[in-house]
Amino acid sequence: MPADAPSPDPTGTGDGPDGDGPGGELGYGAARAELDLILAELSGDDLDVDMLADRVERASTLIEICRGRITNARIQVELVMAAGPGPADQT
């Protein structure tokens, strides 16, 4: 890997340095940040009603991405916990 290339996401959570997950999917951090922006837009007084349905649909997609990332993280933690201590950890 070139020295200036971003390192892969070691946690497997999909929050690499560029906010993208595996396969170019949006990572949790980037999806959450975009959701925060949409919430701010929806809370403002200058919301374009014609854009409302699009913003709500995008928010729904982002929520599903976040839920998926959280579920994957939970599964990974459960797998690690179920595996128990590694050979170096046994006493």
N, C-alpha and C. Protein backbone atom coordinates (compact mmCIF):
# COMPACT_ATOMS: atom_id res chain seq x y z
N MET A 1 0.86 -1.18 0.00
CA MET A 1 0.00 0.00 0.00
C MET A 1 0.90 1.23 0.00
N PRO A 2 0.60 2.23 -0.84
CA PRO A 2 1.41 3.44 -0.87
C PRO A 2 1.32 4.18 0.46
N ALA A 3 2.39 4.93 0.78
CA ALA A 3 2.45 5.62 2.06
C ALA A 3 1.33 6.64 2.23
N ASP A 4 0.86 7.25 1.14
CA ASP A 4 -0.18 8.26 1.26
C ASP A 4 -1.59 7.69 1.14
N ALA A 5 -1.70 6.37 0.95
CA ALA A 5 -3.02 5.75 0.83
C ALA A 5 -3.64 5.62 2.22
N PRO A 6 -4.96 5.81 2.32
CA PRO A 6 -5.60 5.64 3.61
C PRO A 6 -5.51 4.20 4.06
N SER A 7 -5.31 4.00 5.35
CA SER A 7 -5.24 2.63 5.85
C SER A 7 -6.64 2.04 5.89
N PRO A 8 -6.74 0.72 5.73
CA PRO A 8 -8.06 0.10 5.80
C PRO A 8 -8.63 0.22 7.21
N ASP A 9 -9.92 0.09 7.31
CA ASP A 9 -10.60 0.20 8.59
C ASP A 9 -10.30 -1.05 9.42
N PRO A 10 -9.47 -0.96 10.46
CA PRO A 10 -9.10 -2.14 11.22
C PRO A 10 -10.24 -2.68 12.08
N THR A 11 -11.26 -1.88 12.34
CA THR A 11 -12.35 -2.32 13.21
C THR A 11 -13.42 -3.09 12.46
N GLY A 12 -13.45 -2.95 11.15
CA GLY A 12 -14.49 -3.61 10.38
C GLY A 12 -15.85 -2.97 10.53
N THR A 13 -15.91 -1.77 11.08
CA THR A 13 -17.20 -1.12 11.31
C THR A 13 -17.66 -0.32 10.11
N GLY A 14 -16.80 -0.15 9.13
CA GLY A 14 -17.18 0.62 7.97
C GLY A 14 -16.90 2.09 8.10
N ASP A 15 -16.17 2.49 9.11
CA ASP A 15 -15.84 3.89 9.27
C ASP A 15 -14.35 4.09 8.99
N GLY A 16 -13.99 3.95 7.73
CA GLY A 16 -12.62 4.19 7.34
C GLY A 16 -12.32 5.66 7.38
N PRO A 17 -11.08 6.03 7.05
CA PRO A 17 -10.69 7.43 7.12
C PRO A 17 -11.52 8.35 6.25
N ASP A 18 -12.10 7.81 5.19
CA ASP A 18 -12.89 8.63 4.29
C ASP A 18 -14.38 8.56 4.60
N GLY A 19 -14.75 7.88 5.67
CA GLY A 19 -16.15 7.77 6.05
C GLY A 19 -16.90 6.71 5.28
N ASP A 20 -16.22 6.06 4.34
CA ASP A 20 -16.86 5.01 3.57
C ASP A 20 -16.62 3.66 4.21
N GLY A 21 -17.56 2.77 4.00
CA GLY A 21 -17.42 1.43 4.50
C GLY A 21 -16.90 0.51 3.42
N PRO A 22 -16.99 -0.78 3.66
CA PRO A 22 -16.52 -1.75 2.68
C PRO A 22 -17.26 -1.59 1.35
N GLY A 23 -16.55 -1.74 0.27
CA GLY A 23 -17.18 -1.65 -1.05
C GLY A 23 -17.67 -0.26 -1.39
N GLY A 24 -17.16 0.77 -0.72
CA GLY A 24 -17.57 2.13 -1.01
C GLY A 24 -18.89 2.52 -0.37
N GLU A 25 -19.45 1.64 0.48
CA GLU A 25 -20.69 1.98 1.17
C GLU A 25 -20.41 3.07 2.19
N LEU A 26 -21.43 3.83 2.49
CA LEU A 26 -21.31 4.90 3.47
C LEU A 26 -21.11 4.31 4.85
N GLY A 27 -20.14 4.80 5.59
CA GLY A 27 -19.88 4.34 6.94
C GLY A 27 -20.81 4.99 7.95
N TYR A 28 -20.79 4.48 9.17
CA TYR A 28 -21.67 4.99 10.22
C TYR A 28 -21.44 6.47 10.48
N GLY A 29 -20.19 6.87 10.62
CA GLY A 29 -19.88 8.27 10.93
C GLY A 29 -20.38 9.22 9.87
N ALA A 30 -20.16 8.88 8.62
CA ALA A 30 -20.59 9.74 7.51
C ALA A 30 -22.12 9.76 7.42
N ALA A 31 -22.75 8.60 7.62
CA ALA A 31 -24.21 8.54 7.56
C ALA A 31 -24.82 9.35 8.70
N ARG A 32 -24.23 9.25 9.88
CA ARG A 32 -24.73 10.01 11.04
C ARG A 32 -24.57 11.51 10.82
N ALA A 33 -23.44 11.91 10.26
CA ALA A 33 -23.21 13.33 9.99
C ALA A 33 -24.23 13.86 8.98
N GLU A 34 -24.51 13.07 7.95
CA GLU A 34 -25.50 13.50 6.95
C GLU A 34 -26.89 13.57 7.57
N LEU A 35 -27.21 12.62 8.45
CA LEU A 35 -28.49 12.66 9.15
C LEU A 35 -28.63 13.93 9.99
N ASP A 36 -27.53 14.30 10.65
CA ASP A 36 -27.56 15.54 11.44
C ASP A 36 -27.84 16.75 10.57
N LEU A 37 -27.26 16.78 9.37
CA LEU A 37 -27.50 17.89 8.44
C LEU A 37 -28.96 17.92 7.99
N ILE A 38 -29.50 16.75 7.69
CA ILE A 38 -30.91 16.68 7.26
C ILE A 38 -31.82 17.13 8.39
N LEU A 39 -31.52 16.71 9.61
CA LEU A 39 -32.33 17.13 10.75
C LEU A 39 -32.31 18.65 10.90
N ALA A 40 -31.13 19.23 10.73
CA ALA A 40 -31.03 20.70 10.80
C ALA A 40 -31.86 21.35 9.70
N GLU A 41 -31.83 20.78 8.50
CA GLU A 41 -32.63 21.32 7.39
C GLU A 41 -34.12 21.23 7.72
N LEU A 42 -34.54 20.07 8.22
CA LEU A 42 -35.96 19.86 8.52
C LEU A 42 -36.43 20.73 9.67
N SER A 43 -35.52 21.09 10.56
CA SER A 43 -35.87 21.93 11.71
C SER A 43 -35.91 23.41 11.37
N GLY A 44 -35.32 23.78 10.24
CA GLY A 44 -35.27 25.19 9.86
C GLY A 44 -36.58 25.70 9.30
N ASP A 45 -36.69 27.01 9.26
CA ASP A 45 -37.90 27.65 8.75
C ASP A 45 -37.90 27.78 7.23
N ASP A 46 -36.74 27.60 6.61
CA ASP A 46 -36.64 27.84 5.17
C ASP A 46 -36.62 26.55 4.35
N LEU A 47 -37.28 25.52 4.85
CA LEU A 47 -37.33 24.23 4.14
C LEU A 47 -38.17 24.35 2.88
N ASP A 48 -37.60 23.90 1.79
CA ASP A 48 -38.31 23.84 0.52
C ASP A 48 -39.23 22.62 0.56
N VAL A 49 -40.52 22.85 0.55
CA VAL A 49 -41.49 21.77 0.67
C VAL A 49 -41.33 20.74 -0.45
N ASP A 50 -40.90 21.21 -1.62
CA ASP A 50 -40.70 20.29 -2.73
C ASP A 50 -39.56 19.30 -2.45
N MET A 51 -38.65 19.68 -1.57
CA MET A 51 -37.52 18.81 -1.24
C MET A 51 -37.81 17.92 -0.03
N LEU A 52 -38.89 18.17 0.67
CA LEU A 52 -39.20 17.47 1.90
C LEU A 52 -39.22 15.95 1.72
N ALA A 53 -39.95 15.47 0.75
CA ALA A 53 -40.06 14.02 0.55
C ALA A 53 -38.70 13.40 0.24
N ASP A 54 -37.88 14.08 -0.56
CA ASP A 54 -36.55 13.57 -0.89
C ASP A 54 -35.68 13.50 0.35
N ARG A 55 -35.71 14.53 1.20
CA ARG A 55 -34.88 14.56 2.40
C ARG A 55 -35.32 13.49 3.40
N VAL A 56 -36.63 13.30 3.53
CA VAL A 56 -37.13 12.27 4.45
C VAL A 56 -36.76 10.88 3.93
N GLU A 57 -36.85 10.68 2.63
CA GLU A 57 -36.47 9.39 2.04
C GLU A 57 -34.98 9.12 2.26
N ARG A 58 -34.15 10.15 2.05
CA ARG A 58 -32.71 9.99 2.27
C ARG A 58 -32.42 9.71 3.74
N ALA A 59 -33.11 10.38 4.64
CA ALA A 59 -32.93 10.13 6.07
C ALA A 59 -33.28 8.69 6.41
N SER A 60 -34.33 8.17 5.83
CA SER A 60 -34.72 6.78 6.06
C SER A 60 -33.61 5.82 5.62
N THR A 61 -33.03 6.09 4.46
CA THR A 61 -31.93 5.26 3.96
C THR A 61 -30.74 5.33 4.90
N LEU A 62 -30.41 6.53 5.36
CA LEU A 62 -29.28 6.70 6.27
C LEU A 62 -29.51 6.01 7.60
N ILE A 63 -30.73 6.03 8.09
CA ILE A 63 -31.06 5.34 9.34
C ILE A 63 -30.85 3.85 9.17
N GLU A 64 -31.25 3.30 8.05
CA GLU A 64 -31.03 1.87 7.80
C GLU A 64 -29.55 1.53 7.74
N ILE A 65 -28.75 2.40 7.14
CA ILE A 65 -27.30 2.19 7.09
C ILE A 65 -26.74 2.16 8.52
N CYS A 66 -27.13 3.13 9.33
CA CYS A 66 -26.66 3.19 10.71
C CYS A 66 -27.08 1.96 11.50
N ARG A 67 -28.32 1.56 11.34
CA ARG A 67 -28.80 0.36 12.04
C ARG A 67 -28.01 -0.87 11.62
N GLY A 68 -27.72 -0.97 10.33
CA GLY A 68 -26.93 -2.10 9.85
C GLY A 68 -25.53 -2.11 10.42
N ARG A 69 -24.90 -0.95 10.49
CA ARG A 69 -23.55 -0.85 11.06
C ARG A 69 -23.56 -1.22 12.54
N ILE A 70 -24.57 -0.77 13.27
CA ILE A 70 -24.67 -1.10 14.69
C ILE A 70 -24.89 -2.59 14.87
N THR A 71 -25.75 -3.17 14.07
CA THR A 71 -26.01 -4.61 14.14
C THR A 71 -24.74 -5.40 13.85
N ASN A 72 -24.00 -4.99 12.80
CA ASN A 72 -22.75 -5.69 12.48
C ASN A 72 -21.75 -5.59 13.61
N ALA A 73 -21.64 -4.42 14.23
CA ALA A 73 -20.72 -4.25 15.35
C ALA A 73 -21.13 -5.15 16.52
N ARG A 74 -22.44 -5.20 16.79
CA ARG A 74 -22.93 -6.05 17.89
C ARG A 74 -22.60 -7.51 17.63
N ILE A 75 -22.81 -7.96 16.40
CA ILE A 75 -22.51 -9.34 16.04
C ILE A 75 -21.03 -9.63 16.20
N GLN A 76 -20.18 -8.70 15.76
CA GLN A 76 -18.74 -8.89 15.91
C GLN A 76 -18.34 -9.00 17.38
N VAL A 77 -18.91 -8.16 18.23
CA VAL A 77 -18.61 -8.22 19.66
C VAL A 77 -19.07 -9.55 20.23
N GLU A 78 -20.27 -9.99 19.86
CA GLU A 78 -20.78 -11.27 20.36
C GLU A 78 -19.90 -12.43 19.92
N LEU A 79 -19.40 -12.38 18.67
CA LEU A 79 -18.51 -13.44 18.19
C LEU A 79 -17.20 -13.47 18.97
N VAL A 80 -16.65 -12.30 19.23
CA VAL A 80 -15.41 -12.24 20.00
C VAL A 80 -15.64 -12.74 21.42
N MET A 81 -16.75 -12.32 22.02
CA MET A 81 -17.04 -12.76 23.38
C MET A 81 -17.30 -14.25 23.45
N ALA A 82 -17.97 -14.81 22.45
CA ALA A 82 -18.28 -16.25 22.42
C ALA A 82 -17.02 -17.07 22.21
N ALA A 83 -16.03 -16.50 21.51
CA ALA A 83 -14.79 -17.25 21.25
C ALA A 83 -13.99 -17.43 22.52
N GLY A 84 -14.21 -16.57 23.50
CA GLY A 84 -13.49 -16.70 24.76
C GLY A 84 -12.05 -16.24 24.63
N PRO A 85 -11.28 -16.49 25.68
CA PRO A 85 -9.89 -16.04 25.66
C PRO A 85 -9.07 -16.81 24.65
N GLY A 86 -8.12 -16.12 24.06
CA GLY A 86 -7.22 -16.76 23.12
C GLY A 86 -6.16 -17.55 23.86
N PRO A 87 -5.33 -18.30 23.14
CA PRO A 87 -4.31 -19.14 23.79
C PRO A 87 -3.37 -18.34 24.70
N ALA A 88 -3.05 -17.12 24.34
CA ALA A 88 -2.15 -16.32 25.17
C ALA A 88 -2.85 -15.81 26.43
N ASP A 89 -4.17 -15.80 26.43
CA ASP A 89 -4.92 -15.28 27.56
C ASP A 89 -5.23 -16.35 28.60
N GLN A 90 -5.01 -17.61 28.28
CA GLN A 90 -5.36 -18.68 29.21
C GLN A 90 -4.31 -18.76 30.31
N THR A 91 -4.78 -19.03 31.53
CA THR A 91 -3.86 -19.17 32.65
C THR A 91 -3.97 -20.52 33.27
